[in-house]
Amino acid sequence: MLLDTMETLCCLDGVTGGEDEVRDYILERVMPHADAIRTDPMGNLMVFKHGAKTPDRRVMLCAHMDEVGLIVTDITAEGYLRFDQAGGVNPQILLGKPVHVGPQRIRGVIGCKAVHLTTREQRKILPPMKDMYIDIGANSRDEAEKSVSVGDLAAFDDTVVRYGDGFVKAKAIDDRAGCATMIELLEGELPCDCWFAFTVQEEVGSRGASVAAVTVEPDVALILETTTAADLPDAEGAARVCELGKGVVIPFMDRGTIYDRELYNTLRRLADEHHIPWQTKTRIAGGTDGAAVQRSLGGVRVAALSVPVRNIHSPASVAKLSECEAQLALARLFLEEMA
């Protein structure tokens, strides 16, 4: 059930700043189970549900709905789309990738200058993003403008593939995995009252989370995220950061947040007591909505649980189901601890 939910979410388009389709789906799923629902002008969705107990502190779980993608910046006379990144996208992964563009989900593919038109020196380097384009099969600017506009968002292809020993490949696993975990929790019985914040625009600076935290006013927050796994043949030791198959990641620090030490130790203890495999990151890297939540109001105690993901921020992101399930199990235990 958890993987089915995550796969459905990954197939939806929700490039940062355009999360409507994802929010609408989540709202439909959780509305029958919610005791209160709020949205805000930013587009955040905040859901409250009563649990078996009302804790002395207000608890919030948080996951972001947006994914990285592209935004159309120009349409050429020949009908090609120039673009820039919406969120952190590595240009290395773009060439030849299929995309959906705009609200009509117009099919396109990313290309660049033909190889026979490049010099030998140019072939040794990656073309910059400004030299790439999206081909939507239009023959002119006028024809292209019938379907797309400057400012439209482009999302990567939505194909989901299950393979190997419990692996899944999809776009937007960051952070539809966390959203799926929160949906599963909301659809079941909770050990304590809890707010669930499905946030927007995390990929461009956690803009939604800073607003959601002010609305909810949590005392304690658990961020449900994904994180970079570099467990590939050319990476050794700490450079691997974390590895698929070694468990859910419990981070102690990243570039934006030093996580609450007591909550960090609590999560480790719960994982050990319940035989849930876990690991931590071997590099201080990346960031989550935790930074914005932690610094809101008068300060919020924050912890995080992350699913390790290979090829993150690409249409070929890879996660392992066992670690998605571990995130869900440990999040539920965390709520029991808060009760």
C-alpha atoms as a PDB file:
ATOM      1  CA  MET A   1       0.000   0.000   0.000  1.00  0.00           C
ATOM      2  CA  LEU A   2       2.785   2.427   0.895  1.00  0.00           C
ATOM      3  CA  LEU A   3       4.643   1.797  -2.370  1.00  0.00           C
ATOM      4  CA  ASP A   4       1.421   2.061  -4.391  1.00  0.00           C
ATOM      5  CA  THR A   5       0.750   5.459  -2.816  1.00  0.00           C
ATOM      6  CA  MET A   6       4.299   6.632  -3.484  1.00  0.00           C
ATOM      7  CA  GLU A   7       4.175   5.478  -7.109  1.00  0.00           C
ATOM      8  CA  THR A   8       0.895   7.319  -7.691  1.00  0.00           C
ATOM      9  CA  LEU A   9       2.358  10.473  -6.167  1.00  0.00           C
ATOM     10  CA  CYS A  10       5.532  10.212  -8.267  1.00  0.00           C
ATOM     11  CA  CYS A  11       3.466  10.070 -11.462  1.00  0.00           C
ATOM     12  CA  LEU A  12       1.861  13.429 -10.660  1.00  0.00           C
ATOM     13  CA  ASP A  13       3.490  16.642 -11.855  1.00  0.00           C
ATOM     14  CA  GLY A  14       4.377  19.063  -9.074  1.00  0.00           C
ATOM     15  CA  VAL A  15       7.434  21.059 -10.082  1.00  0.00           C
ATOM     16  CA  THR A  16       8.286  23.588  -7.399  1.00  0.00           C
ATOM     17  CA  GLY A  17       5.800  26.456  -7.492  1.00  0.00           C
ATOM     18  CA  GLY A  18       3.218  24.301  -9.301  1.00  0.00           C
ATOM     19  CA  GLU A  19       2.223  21.682  -6.739  1.00  0.00           C
ATOM     20  CA  ASP A  20      -1.551  21.880  -7.357  1.00  0.00           C
ATOM     21  CA  GLU A  21      -1.981  18.400  -8.852  1.00  0.00           C
ATOM     22  CA  VAL A  22      -0.137  16.769  -5.964  1.00  0.00           C
ATOM     23  CA  ARG A  23      -2.014  18.781  -3.348  1.00  0.00           C
ATOM     24  CA  ASP A  24      -5.399  17.935  -4.912  1.00  0.00           C
ATOM     25  CA  TYR A  25      -4.627  14.216  -4.819  1.00  0.00           C
ATOM     26  CA  ILE A  26      -3.422  14.320  -1.210  1.00  0.00           C
ATOM     27  CA  LEU A  27      -6.448  16.346  -0.158  1.00  0.00           C
ATOM     28  CA  GLU A  28      -8.804  13.791  -1.707  1.00  0.00           C
ATOM     29  CA  ARG A  29      -7.022  10.958   0.102  1.00  0.00           C
ATOM     30  CA  VAL A  30      -6.839  12.518   3.560  1.00  0.00           C
ATOM     31  CA  MET A  31     -10.066  14.521   3.755  1.00  0.00           C
ATOM     32  CA  PRO A  32     -12.157  11.605   5.132  1.00  0.00           C
ATOM     33  CA  HIS A  33      -9.616  11.095   7.922  1.00  0.00           C
ATOM     34  CA  ALA A  34      -8.922  14.700   8.928  1.00  0.00           C
ATOM     35  CA  ASP A  35     -10.343  16.669  11.850  1.00  0.00           C
ATOM     36  CA  ALA A  36      -9.175  19.994  10.420  1.00  0.00           C
ATOM     37  CA  ILE A  37      -7.666  21.125   7.131  1.00  0.00           C
ATOM     38  CA  ARG A  38      -5.973  24.415   6.286  1.00  0.00           C
ATOM     39  CA  THR A  39      -4.391  25.791   3.157  1.00  0.00           C
ATOM     40  CA  ASP A  40      -2.584  29.090   2.773  1.00  0.00           C
ATOM     41  CA  PRO A  41      -1.756  31.525  -0.036  1.00  0.00           C
ATOM     42  CA  MET A  42       1.591  29.771  -0.579  1.00  0.00           C
ATOM     43  CA  GLY A  43      -0.184  26.488  -1.374  1.00  0.00           C
ATOM     44  CA  ASN A  44       0.756  24.505   1.744  1.00  0.00           C
ATOM     45  CA  LEU A  45      -1.712  21.866   2.902  1.00  0.00           C
ATOM     46  CA  MET A  46      -1.933  21.416   6.676  1.00  0.00           C
ATOM     47  CA  VAL A  47      -3.990  18.576   8.108  1.00  0.00           C
ATOM     48  CA  PHE A  48      -4.835  17.945  11.762  1.00  0.00           C
ATOM     49  CA  LYS A  49      -5.969  14.619  13.171  1.00  0.00           C
ATOM     50  CA  HIS A  50      -6.817  13.658  16.729  1.00  0.00           C
ATOM     51  CA  GLY A  51      -5.028  10.665  18.185  1.00  0.00           C
ATOM     52  CA  ALA A  52      -5.505   8.494  21.262  1.00  0.00           C
ATOM     53  CA  LYS A  53      -3.892  11.151  23.460  1.00  0.00           C
ATOM     54  CA  THR A  54      -3.414  14.896  23.462  1.00  0.00           C
ATOM     55  CA  PRO A  55       0.267  15.539  24.231  1.00  0.00           C
ATOM     56  CA  ASP A  56       1.526  18.534  26.266  1.00  0.00           C
ATOM     57  CA  ARG A  57       3.415  19.731  23.124  1.00  0.00           C
ATOM     58  CA  ARG A  58       2.138  20.389  19.651  1.00  0.00           C
ATOM     59  CA  VAL A  59       3.599  17.862  17.213  1.00  0.00           C
ATOM     60  CA  MET A  60       3.988  18.359  13.473  1.00  0.00           C
ATOM     61  CA  LEU A  61       5.154  16.019  10.720  1.00  0.00           C
ATOM     62  CA  CYS A  62       6.393  17.680   7.547  1.00  0.00           C
ATOM     63  CA  ALA A  63       7.086  16.568   3.957  1.00  0.00           C
ATOM     64  CA  HIS A  64       7.329  18.634   0.786  1.00  0.00           C
ATOM     65  CA  MET A  65       5.114  18.138  -2.256  1.00  0.00           C
ATOM     66  CA  ASP A  66       7.298  19.836  -4.854  1.00  0.00           C
ATOM     67  CA  GLU A  67       9.840  18.228  -7.163  1.00  0.00           C
ATOM     68  CA  VAL A  68      12.709  19.659  -9.191  1.00  0.00           C
ATOM     69  CA  GLY A  69      12.080  20.406 -12.844  1.00  0.00           C
ATOM     70  CA  LEU A  70      12.430  23.073 -15.510  1.00  0.00           C
ATOM     71  CA  ILE A  71      10.767  26.373 -16.401  1.00  0.00           C
ATOM     72  CA  VAL A  72      10.311  27.752 -19.914  1.00  0.00           C
ATOM     73  CA  THR A  73      12.174  31.058 -20.397  1.00  0.00           C
ATOM     74  CA  ASP A  74      11.840  31.605 -24.151  1.00  0.00           C
ATOM     75  CA  ILE A  75      10.328  30.187 -27.342  1.00  0.00           C
ATOM     76  CA  THR A  76      12.541  30.379 -30.428  1.00  0.00           C
ATOM     77  CA  ALA A  77      11.374  31.356 -33.876  1.00  0.00           C
ATOM     78  CA  GLU A  78      11.658  27.677 -34.847  1.00  0.00           C
ATOM     79  CA  GLY A  79       9.348  26.585 -32.003  1.00  0.00           C
ATOM     80  CA  TYR A  80      11.935  25.223 -29.573  1.00  0.00           C
ATOM     81  CA  LEU A  81      11.673  25.988 -25.843  1.00  0.00           C
ATOM     82  CA  ARG A  82      14.583  27.492 -23.957  1.00  0.00           C
ATOM     83  CA  PHE A  83      14.518  26.775 -20.234  1.00  0.00           C
ATOM     84  CA  ASP A  84      16.162  27.129 -16.841  1.00  0.00           C
ATOM     85  CA  GLN A  85      16.077  24.945 -13.759  1.00  0.00           C
ATOM     86  CA  ALA A  86      13.340  25.059 -11.137  1.00  0.00           C
ATOM     87  CA  GLY A  87      15.148  23.627  -8.157  1.00  0.00           C
ATOM     88  CA  GLY A  88      18.594  22.042  -8.229  1.00  0.00           C
ATOM     89  CA  VAL A  89      18.969  20.074 -11.464  1.00  0.00           C
ATOM     90  CA  ASN A  90      22.307  18.702 -12.657  1.00  0.00           C
ATOM     91  CA  PRO A  91      22.680  19.545 -16.382  1.00  0.00           C
ATOM     92  CA  GLN A  92      24.453  16.205 -16.865  1.00  0.00           C
ATOM     93  CA  ILE A  93      21.177  14.315 -16.601  1.00  0.00           C
ATOM     94  CA  LEU A  94      19.137  16.421 -19.029  1.00  0.00           C
ATOM     95  CA  LEU A  95      20.112  15.509 -22.579  1.00  0.00           C
ATOM     96  CA  GLY A  96      17.667  13.174 -24.276  1.00  0.00           C
ATOM     97  CA  LYS A  97      15.212  13.155 -21.368  1.00  0.00           C
ATOM     98  CA  PRO A  98      11.464  13.238 -22.102  1.00  0.00           C
ATOM     99  CA  VAL A  99       9.404  15.858 -20.263  1.00  0.00           C
ATOM    100  CA  HIS A 100       5.834  17.144 -19.852  1.00  0.00           C
ATOM    101  CA  VAL A 101       5.387  20.878 -20.387  1.00  0.00           C
ATOM    102  CA  GLY A 102       2.665  23.135 -19.005  1.00  0.00           C
ATOM    103  CA  PRO A 103      -0.853  22.414 -17.779  1.00  0.00           C
ATOM    104  CA  GLN A 104      -1.666  20.464 -20.963  1.00  0.00           C
ATOM    105  CA  ARG A 105       1.290  18.126 -20.270  1.00  0.00           C
ATOM    106  CA  ILE A 106       2.664  18.641 -23.767  1.00  0.00           C
ATOM    107  CA  ARG A 107       5.220  15.966 -24.588  1.00  0.00           C
ATOM    108  CA  GLY A 108       8.746  17.075 -25.345  1.00  0.00           C
ATOM    109  CA  VAL A 109      12.336  15.896 -25.329  1.00  0.00           C
ATOM    110  CA  ILE A 110      15.495  17.766 -24.310  1.00  0.00           C
ATOM    111  CA  GLY A 111      18.174  18.211 -26.977  1.00  0.00           C
ATOM    112  CA  CYS A 112      21.108  20.399 -28.005  1.00  0.00           C
ATOM    113  CA  LYS A 113      23.249  21.167 -31.031  1.00  0.00           C
ATOM    114  CA  ALA A 114      23.770  18.118 -33.259  1.00  0.00           C
ATOM    115  CA  VAL A 115      27.103  16.391 -32.686  1.00  0.00           C
ATOM    116  CA  HIS A 116      28.284  16.899 -36.293  1.00  0.00           C
ATOM    117  CA  LEU A 117      27.969  20.677 -35.775  1.00  0.00           C
ATOM    118  CA  THR A 118      30.264  20.738 -32.742  1.00  0.00           C
ATOM    119  CA  THR A 119      34.037  21.022 -32.619  1.00  0.00           C
ATOM    120  CA  ARG A 120      36.281  18.341 -31.187  1.00  0.00           C
ATOM    121  CA  GLU A 121      36.853  20.517 -28.112  1.00  0.00           C
ATOM    122  CA  GLN A 122      33.129  21.097 -27.617  1.00  0.00           C
ATOM    123  CA  ARG A 123      32.546  17.347 -27.581  1.00  0.00           C
ATOM    124  CA  LYS A 124      34.789  17.027 -24.531  1.00  0.00           C
ATOM    125  CA  ILE A 125      32.556  19.167 -22.319  1.00  0.00           C
ATOM    126  CA  LEU A 126      28.938  19.095 -21.257  1.00  0.00           C
ATOM    127  CA  PRO A 127      26.809  21.668 -23.099  1.00  0.00           C
ATOM    128  CA  PRO A 128      25.583  24.367 -20.700  1.00  0.00           C
ATOM    129  CA  MET A 129      21.869  24.491 -19.983  1.00  0.00           C
ATOM    130  CA  LYS A 130      21.544  27.688 -22.021  1.00  0.00           C
ATOM    131  CA  ASP A 131      22.512  25.707 -25.134  1.00  0.00           C
ATOM    132  CA  MET A 132      19.830  23.049 -24.573  1.00  0.00           C
ATOM    133  CA  TYR A 133      16.208  23.215 -25.671  1.00  0.00           C
ATOM    134  CA  ILE A 134      12.945  21.306 -25.371  1.00  0.00           C
ATOM    135  CA  ASP A 135      11.578  20.015 -28.665  1.00  0.00           C
ATOM    136  CA  ILE A 136       7.759  19.715 -28.534  1.00  0.00           C
ATOM    137  CA  GLY A 137       7.354  19.000 -32.239  1.00  0.00           C
ATOM    138  CA  ALA A 138       6.319  22.537 -33.181  1.00  0.00           C
ATOM    139  CA  ASN A 139       7.454  24.135 -36.444  1.00  0.00           C
ATOM    140  CA  SER A 140       7.336  27.774 -35.349  1.00  0.00           C
ATOM    141  CA  ARG A 141       6.942  30.082 -32.366  1.00  0.00           C
ATOM    142  CA  ASP A 142       3.285  30.694 -33.254  1.00  0.00           C
ATOM    143  CA  GLU A 143       2.591  26.953 -33.340  1.00  0.00           C
ATOM    144  CA  ALA A 144       4.384  26.340 -30.033  1.00  0.00           C
ATOM    145  CA  GLU A 145       2.528  29.198 -28.339  1.00  0.00           C
ATOM    146  CA  LYS A 146      -0.777  27.463 -29.041  1.00  0.00           C
ATOM    147  CA  SER A 147       0.242  24.845 -26.448  1.00  0.00           C
ATOM    148  CA  VAL A 148       2.844  26.365 -24.110  1.00  0.00           C
ATOM    149  CA  SER A 149       3.849  29.742 -22.704  1.00  0.00           C
ATOM    150  CA  VAL A 150       6.933  31.331 -21.224  1.00  0.00           C
ATOM    151  CA  GLY A 151       6.785  30.587 -17.496  1.00  0.00           C
ATOM    152  CA  ASP A 152       5.291  27.117 -17.942  1.00  0.00           C
ATOM    153  CA  LEU A 153       6.853  24.367 -15.849  1.00  0.00           C
ATOM    154  CA  ALA A 154       8.265  21.155 -17.286  1.00  0.00           C
ATOM    155  CA  ALA A 155       8.356  17.906 -15.326  1.00  0.00           C
ATOM    156  CA  PHE A 156      10.361  14.791 -16.096  1.00  0.00           C
ATOM    157  CA  ASP A 157       8.694  11.716 -17.563  1.00  0.00           C
ATOM    158  CA  ASP A 158       6.549   9.817 -15.059  1.00  0.00           C
ATOM    159  CA  THR A 159       7.543   6.203 -15.757  1.00  0.00           C
ATOM    160  CA  VAL A 160       7.847   4.107 -12.576  1.00  0.00           C
ATOM    161  CA  VAL A 161       9.814   0.848 -12.646  1.00  0.00           C
ATOM    162  CA  ARG A 162      10.130  -1.772  -9.922  1.00  0.00           C
ATOM    163  CA  TYR A 163      13.226  -3.926 -10.280  1.00  0.00           C
ATOM    164  CA  GLY A 164      15.800  -6.061  -8.498  1.00  0.00           C
ATOM    165  CA  ASP A 165      15.548  -6.775  -4.796  1.00  0.00           C
ATOM    166  CA  GLY A 166      12.861  -4.291  -3.790  1.00  0.00           C
ATOM    167  CA  PHE A 167      14.106  -1.278  -5.744  1.00  0.00           C
ATOM    168  CA  VAL A 168      11.926   1.347  -7.399  1.00  0.00           C
ATOM    169  CA  LYS A 169      12.888   3.937 -10.016  1.00  0.00           C
ATOM    170  CA  ALA A 170      10.812   7.097 -10.514  1.00  0.00           C
ATOM    171  CA  LYS A 171      10.953  10.847 -10.716  1.00  0.00           C
ATOM    172  CA  ALA A 172      10.064  12.915  -7.647  1.00  0.00           C
ATOM    173  CA  ILE A 173      10.805  10.274  -5.014  1.00  0.00           C
ATOM    174  CA  ASP A 174      12.172  13.395  -3.324  1.00  0.00           C
ATOM    175  CA  ASP A 175       9.872  13.946  -1.506  1.00  0.00           C
ATOM    176  CA  ARG A 176       6.815  11.957  -2.514  1.00  0.00           C
ATOM    177  CA  ALA A 177       8.223   9.207  -0.286  1.00  0.00           C
ATOM    178  CA  GLY A 178       7.684  11.453   2.748  1.00  0.00           C
ATOM    179  CA  CYS A 179       4.244  12.495   1.505  1.00  0.00           C
ATOM    180  CA  ALA A 180       3.271   8.829   1.111  1.00  0.00           C
ATOM    181  CA  THR A 181       4.393   8.104   4.673  1.00  0.00           C
ATOM    182  CA  MET A 182       2.220  10.937   6.015  1.00  0.00           C
ATOM    183  CA  ILE A 183      -0.813   9.778   4.001  1.00  0.00           C
ATOM    184  CA  GLU A 184      -0.434   6.260   5.408  1.00  0.00           C
ATOM    185  CA  LEU A 185      -0.237   7.643   8.955  1.00  0.00           C
ATOM    186  CA  LEU A 186      -3.285   9.862   8.443  1.00  0.00           C
ATOM    187  CA  GLU A 187      -5.344   6.971   7.121  1.00  0.00           C
ATOM    188  CA  GLY A 188      -4.690   4.931  10.267  1.00  0.00           C
ATOM    189  CA  GLU A 189      -5.140   5.396  14.002  1.00  0.00           C
ATOM    190  CA  LEU A 190      -2.712   7.817  15.629  1.00  0.00           C
ATOM    191  CA  PRO A 191      -1.214   7.485  19.123  1.00  0.00           C
ATOM    192  CA  CYS A 192      -1.420  11.251  19.635  1.00  0.00           C
ATOM    193  CA  ASP A 193      -2.840  14.421  18.112  1.00  0.00           C
ATOM    194  CA  CYS A 194      -0.709  15.553  15.206  1.00  0.00           C
ATOM    195  CA  TRP A 195      -0.468  18.185  12.488  1.00  0.00           C
ATOM    196  CA  PHE A 196       0.715  17.091   9.047  1.00  0.00           C
ATOM    197  CA  ALA A 197       2.255  19.810   6.863  1.00  0.00           C
ATOM    198  CA  PHE A 198       2.507  19.042   3.134  1.00  0.00           C
ATOM    199  CA  THR A 199       4.690  21.941   2.040  1.00  0.00           C
ATOM    200  CA  VAL A 200       5.529  23.717  -1.211  1.00  0.00           C
ATOM    201  CA  GLN A 201       8.709  25.185  -2.704  1.00  0.00           C
ATOM    202  CA  GLU A 202      11.201  23.244  -0.604  1.00  0.00           C
ATOM    203  CA  GLU A 203      13.453  22.853  -3.627  1.00  0.00           C
ATOM    204  CA  VAL A 204      13.982  26.614  -3.895  1.00  0.00           C
ATOM    205  CA  GLY A 205      14.698  27.346  -0.243  1.00  0.00           C
ATOM    206  CA  SER A 206      12.016  25.791   2.001  1.00  0.00           C
ATOM    207  CA  ARG A 207       9.755  28.759   1.395  1.00  0.00           C
ATOM    208  CA  GLY A 208       6.535  26.908   2.156  1.00  0.00           C
ATOM    209  CA  ALA A 209       7.773  25.331   5.388  1.00  0.00           C
ATOM    210  CA  SER A 210       8.592  28.687   6.956  1.00  0.00           C
ATOM    211  CA  VAL A 211       4.974  29.768   6.416  1.00  0.00           C
ATOM    212  CA  ALA A 212       3.435  26.446   7.488  1.00  0.00           C
ATOM    213  CA  ALA A 213       5.385  26.429  10.739  1.00  0.00           C
ATOM    214  CA  VAL A 214       4.069  29.867  11.653  1.00  0.00           C
ATOM    215  CA  THR A 215       0.514  28.656  10.979  1.00  0.00           C
ATOM    216  CA  VAL A 216       0.786  25.397  12.948  1.00  0.00           C
ATOM    217  CA  GLU A 217       3.070  26.703  15.741  1.00  0.00           C
ATOM    218  CA  PRO A 218       4.605  23.310  16.585  1.00  0.00           C
ATOM    219  CA  ASP A 219       6.762  22.611  19.618  1.00  0.00           C
ATOM    220  CA  VAL A 220       8.279  19.522  17.997  1.00  0.00           C
ATOM    221  CA  ALA A 221       8.577  18.663  14.316  1.00  0.00           C
ATOM    222  CA  LEU A 222       9.661  15.531  12.475  1.00  0.00           C
ATOM    223  CA  ILE A 223      10.759  16.099   8.881  1.00  0.00           C
ATOM    224  CA  LEU A 224      10.089  13.149   6.567  1.00  0.00           C
ATOM    225  CA  GLU A 225      12.462  13.431   3.640  1.00  0.00           C
ATOM    226  CA  THR A 226      14.801  11.714   1.222  1.00  0.00           C
ATOM    227  CA  THR A 227      18.546  12.180   0.999  1.00  0.00           C
ATOM    228  CA  THR A 228      21.390  11.626  -1.437  1.00  0.00           C
ATOM    229  CA  ALA A 229      22.913   8.145  -1.543  1.00  0.00           C
ATOM    230  CA  ALA A 230      26.181   8.026  -3.463  1.00  0.00           C
ATOM    231  CA  ASP A 231      26.758   4.292  -3.048  1.00  0.00           C
ATOM    232  CA  LEU A 232      28.141   3.900  -6.545  1.00  0.00           C
ATOM    233  CA  PRO A 233      31.290   2.164  -7.809  1.00  0.00           C
ATOM    234  CA  ASP A 234      33.394   5.349  -7.956  1.00  0.00           C
ATOM    235  CA  ALA A 235      32.609   6.437  -4.369  1.00  0.00           C
ATOM    236  CA  GLU A 236      34.351   5.076  -1.307  1.00  0.00           C
ATOM    237  CA  GLY A 237      34.121   5.627   2.433  1.00  0.00           C
ATOM    238  CA  ALA A 238      32.467   8.852   3.572  1.00  0.00           C
ATOM    239  CA  ALA A 239      31.938   9.940  -0.030  1.00  0.00           C
ATOM    240  CA  ARG A 240      29.095   7.412  -0.254  1.00  0.00           C
ATOM    241  CA  VAL A 241      27.122   9.570   2.256  1.00  0.00           C
ATOM    242  CA  CYS A 242      24.595   6.780   2.881  1.00  0.00           C
ATOM    243  CA  GLU A 243      23.672   3.508   1.177  1.00  0.00           C
ATOM    244  CA  LEU A 244      20.539   1.808  -0.057  1.00  0.00           C
ATOM    245  CA  GLY A 245      19.840  -1.326   1.940  1.00  0.00           C
ATOM    246  CA  LYS A 246      21.446  -0.101   5.177  1.00  0.00           C
ATOM    247  CA  GLY A 247      18.282   1.443   6.596  1.00  0.00           C
ATOM    248  CA  VAL A 248      16.445   4.711   7.037  1.00  0.00           C
ATOM    249  CA  VAL A 249      18.702   7.732   7.592  1.00  0.00           C
ATOM    250  CA  ILE A 250      18.601   9.556  10.935  1.00  0.00           C
ATOM    251  CA  PRO A 251      20.654  12.721  10.373  1.00  0.00           C
ATOM    252  CA  PHE A 252      22.380  14.667  13.138  1.00  0.00           C
ATOM    253  CA  MET A 253      23.263  17.686  10.986  1.00  0.00           C
ATOM    254  CA  ASP A 254      23.101  19.033   7.435  1.00  0.00           C
ATOM    255  CA  ARG A 255      23.930  22.358   5.806  1.00  0.00           C
ATOM    256  CA  GLY A 256      20.805  23.999   7.189  1.00  0.00           C
ATOM    257  CA  THR A 257      20.055  22.279  10.485  1.00  0.00           C
ATOM    258  CA  ILE A 258      21.703  20.883  13.583  1.00  0.00           C
ATOM    259  CA  TYR A 259      18.957  18.487  14.640  1.00  0.00           C
ATOM    260  CA  ASP A 260      17.769  18.367  18.224  1.00  0.00           C
ATOM    261  CA  ARG A 261      20.157  16.039  20.050  1.00  0.00           C
ATOM    262  CA  GLU A 262      17.558  14.542  22.373  1.00  0.00           C
ATOM    263  CA  LEU A 263      15.175  13.781  19.490  1.00  0.00           C
ATOM    264  CA  TYR A 264      18.054  12.361  17.433  1.00  0.00           C
ATOM    265  CA  ASN A 265      18.944  10.004  20.286  1.00  0.00           C
ATOM    266  CA  THR A 266      15.286   9.088  20.764  1.00  0.00           C
ATOM    267  CA  LEU A 267      14.950   8.037  17.122  1.00  0.00           C
ATOM    268  CA  ARG A 268      18.127   5.950  17.330  1.00  0.00           C
ATOM    269  CA  ARG A 269      16.920   4.261  20.509  1.00  0.00           C
ATOM    270  CA  LEU A 270      13.494   3.486  19.037  1.00  0.00           C
ATOM    271  CA  ALA A 271      15.078   2.041  15.902  1.00  0.00           C
ATOM    272  CA  ASP A 272      17.391  -0.193  17.948  1.00  0.00           C
ATOM    273  CA  GLU A 273      14.644  -1.336  20.332  1.00  0.00           C
ATOM    274  CA  HIS A 274      12.351  -2.298  17.455  1.00  0.00           C
ATOM    275  CA  HIS A 275      15.072  -3.748  15.213  1.00  0.00           C
ATOM    276  CA  ILE A 276      14.549  -1.169  12.473  1.00  0.00           C
ATOM    277  CA  PRO A 277      17.726  -0.827  10.360  1.00  0.00           C
ATOM    278  CA  TRP A 278      19.060   2.727  10.371  1.00  0.00           C
ATOM    279  CA  GLN A 279      22.142   4.686   9.367  1.00  0.00           C
ATOM    280  CA  THR A 280      23.306   8.259   9.468  1.00  0.00           C
ATOM    281  CA  LYS A 281      24.996  10.427   6.828  1.00  0.00           C
ATOM    282  CA  THR A 282      28.758  10.443   6.623  1.00  0.00           C
ATOM    283  CA  ARG A 283      28.921  13.979   5.233  1.00  0.00           C
ATOM    284  CA  ILE A 284      27.430  17.278   6.325  1.00  0.00           C
ATOM    285  CA  ALA A 285      25.529  17.959   3.110  1.00  0.00           C
ATOM    286  CA  GLY A 286      22.132  18.827   1.732  1.00  0.00           C
ATOM    287  CA  GLY A 287      19.247  20.330   3.643  1.00  0.00           C
ATOM    288  CA  THR A 288      15.572  19.908   4.476  1.00  0.00           C
ATOM    289  CA  ASP A 289      12.527  21.891   5.551  1.00  0.00           C
ATOM    290  CA  GLY A 290      13.924  21.407   9.040  1.00  0.00           C
ATOM    291  CA  ALA A 291      16.019  24.565   8.720  1.00  0.00           C
ATOM    292  CA  ALA A 292      12.981  26.776   8.088  1.00  0.00           C
ATOM    293  CA  VAL A 293      10.847  25.051  10.732  1.00  0.00           C
ATOM    294  CA  GLN A 294      13.560  25.133  13.381  1.00  0.00           C
ATOM    295  CA  ARG A 295      14.085  28.887  12.996  1.00  0.00           C
ATOM    296  CA  SER A 296      10.414  29.848  12.997  1.00  0.00           C
ATOM    297  CA  LEU A 297       8.526  31.420  15.889  1.00  0.00           C
ATOM    298  CA  GLY A 298      10.650  31.233  19.028  1.00  0.00           C
ATOM    299  CA  GLY A 299      12.404  28.111  17.776  1.00  0.00           C
ATOM    300  CA  VAL A 300      11.160  24.546  17.196  1.00  0.00           C
ATOM    301  CA  ARG A 301      12.769  21.257  18.211  1.00  0.00           C
ATOM    302  CA  VAL A 302      13.350  19.360  14.980  1.00  0.00           C
ATOM    303  CA  ALA A 303      14.374  15.837  13.951  1.00  0.00           C
ATOM    304  CA  ALA A 304      14.358  14.085  10.584  1.00  0.00           C
ATOM    305  CA  LEU A 305      13.962  10.677   8.967  1.00  0.00           C
ATOM    306  CA  SER A 306      15.166  10.335   5.389  1.00  0.00           C
ATOM    307  CA  VAL A 307      14.911   7.620   2.747  1.00  0.00           C
ATOM    308  CA  PRO A 308      18.251   7.216   0.913  1.00  0.00           C
ATOM    309  CA  VAL A 309      17.900   7.826  -2.833  1.00  0.00           C
ATOM    310  CA  ARG A 310      20.356   7.265  -5.674  1.00  0.00           C
ATOM    311  CA  ASN A 311      20.375   9.698  -8.610  1.00  0.00           C
ATOM    312  CA  ILE A 312      18.299  12.158  -6.602  1.00  0.00           C
ATOM    313  CA  HIS A 313      16.823  15.156  -8.469  1.00  0.00           C
ATOM    314  CA  SER A 314      16.587  13.151 -11.678  1.00  0.00           C
ATOM    315  CA  PRO A 315      13.945  11.124 -13.551  1.00  0.00           C
ATOM    316  CA  ALA A 316      15.884   7.987 -12.587  1.00  0.00           C
ATOM    317  CA  SER A 317      15.820   8.395  -8.806  1.00  0.00           C
ATOM    318  CA  VAL A 318      16.115   5.038  -7.064  1.00  0.00           C
ATOM    319  CA  ALA A 319      14.899   4.036  -3.596  1.00  0.00           C
ATOM    320  CA  LYS A 320      14.337   0.790  -1.766  1.00  0.00           C
ATOM    321  CA  LEU A 321      10.896  -0.139  -0.466  1.00  0.00           C
ATOM    322  CA  SER A 322      12.270  -1.524   2.820  1.00  0.00           C
ATOM    323  CA  GLU A 323      13.613   1.926   3.701  1.00  0.00           C
ATOM    324  CA  CYS A 324      10.323   3.627   2.854  1.00  0.00           C
ATOM    325  CA  GLU A 325       8.616   1.148   5.188  1.00  0.00           C
ATOM    326  CA  ALA A 326      11.264   1.798   7.857  1.00  0.00           C
ATOM    327  CA  GLN A 327      10.564   5.530   7.654  1.00  0.00           C
ATOM    328  CA  LEU A 328       6.851   4.849   8.182  1.00  0.00           C
ATOM    329  CA  ALA A 329       7.436   2.457  11.088  1.00  0.00           C
ATOM    330  CA  LEU A 330       9.844   4.777  12.876  1.00  0.00           C
ATOM    331  CA  ALA A 331       7.606   7.826  12.349  1.00  0.00           C
ATOM    332  CA  ARG A 332       4.744   5.931  14.001  1.00  0.00           C
ATOM    333  CA  LEU A 333       6.984   4.990  16.925  1.00  0.00           C
ATOM    334  CA  PHE A 334       8.043   8.627  17.226  1.00  0.00           C
ATOM    335  CA  LEU A 335       4.402   9.662  17.598  1.00  0.00           C
ATOM    336  CA  GLU A 336       3.922   7.010  20.281  1.00  0.00           C
ATOM    337  CA  GLU A 337       6.899   8.504  22.115  1.00  0.00           C
ATOM    338  CA  MET A 338       5.322  11.977  21.895  1.00  0.00           C
ATOM    339  CA  ALA A 339       1.964  10.779  23.273  1.00  0.00           C
END
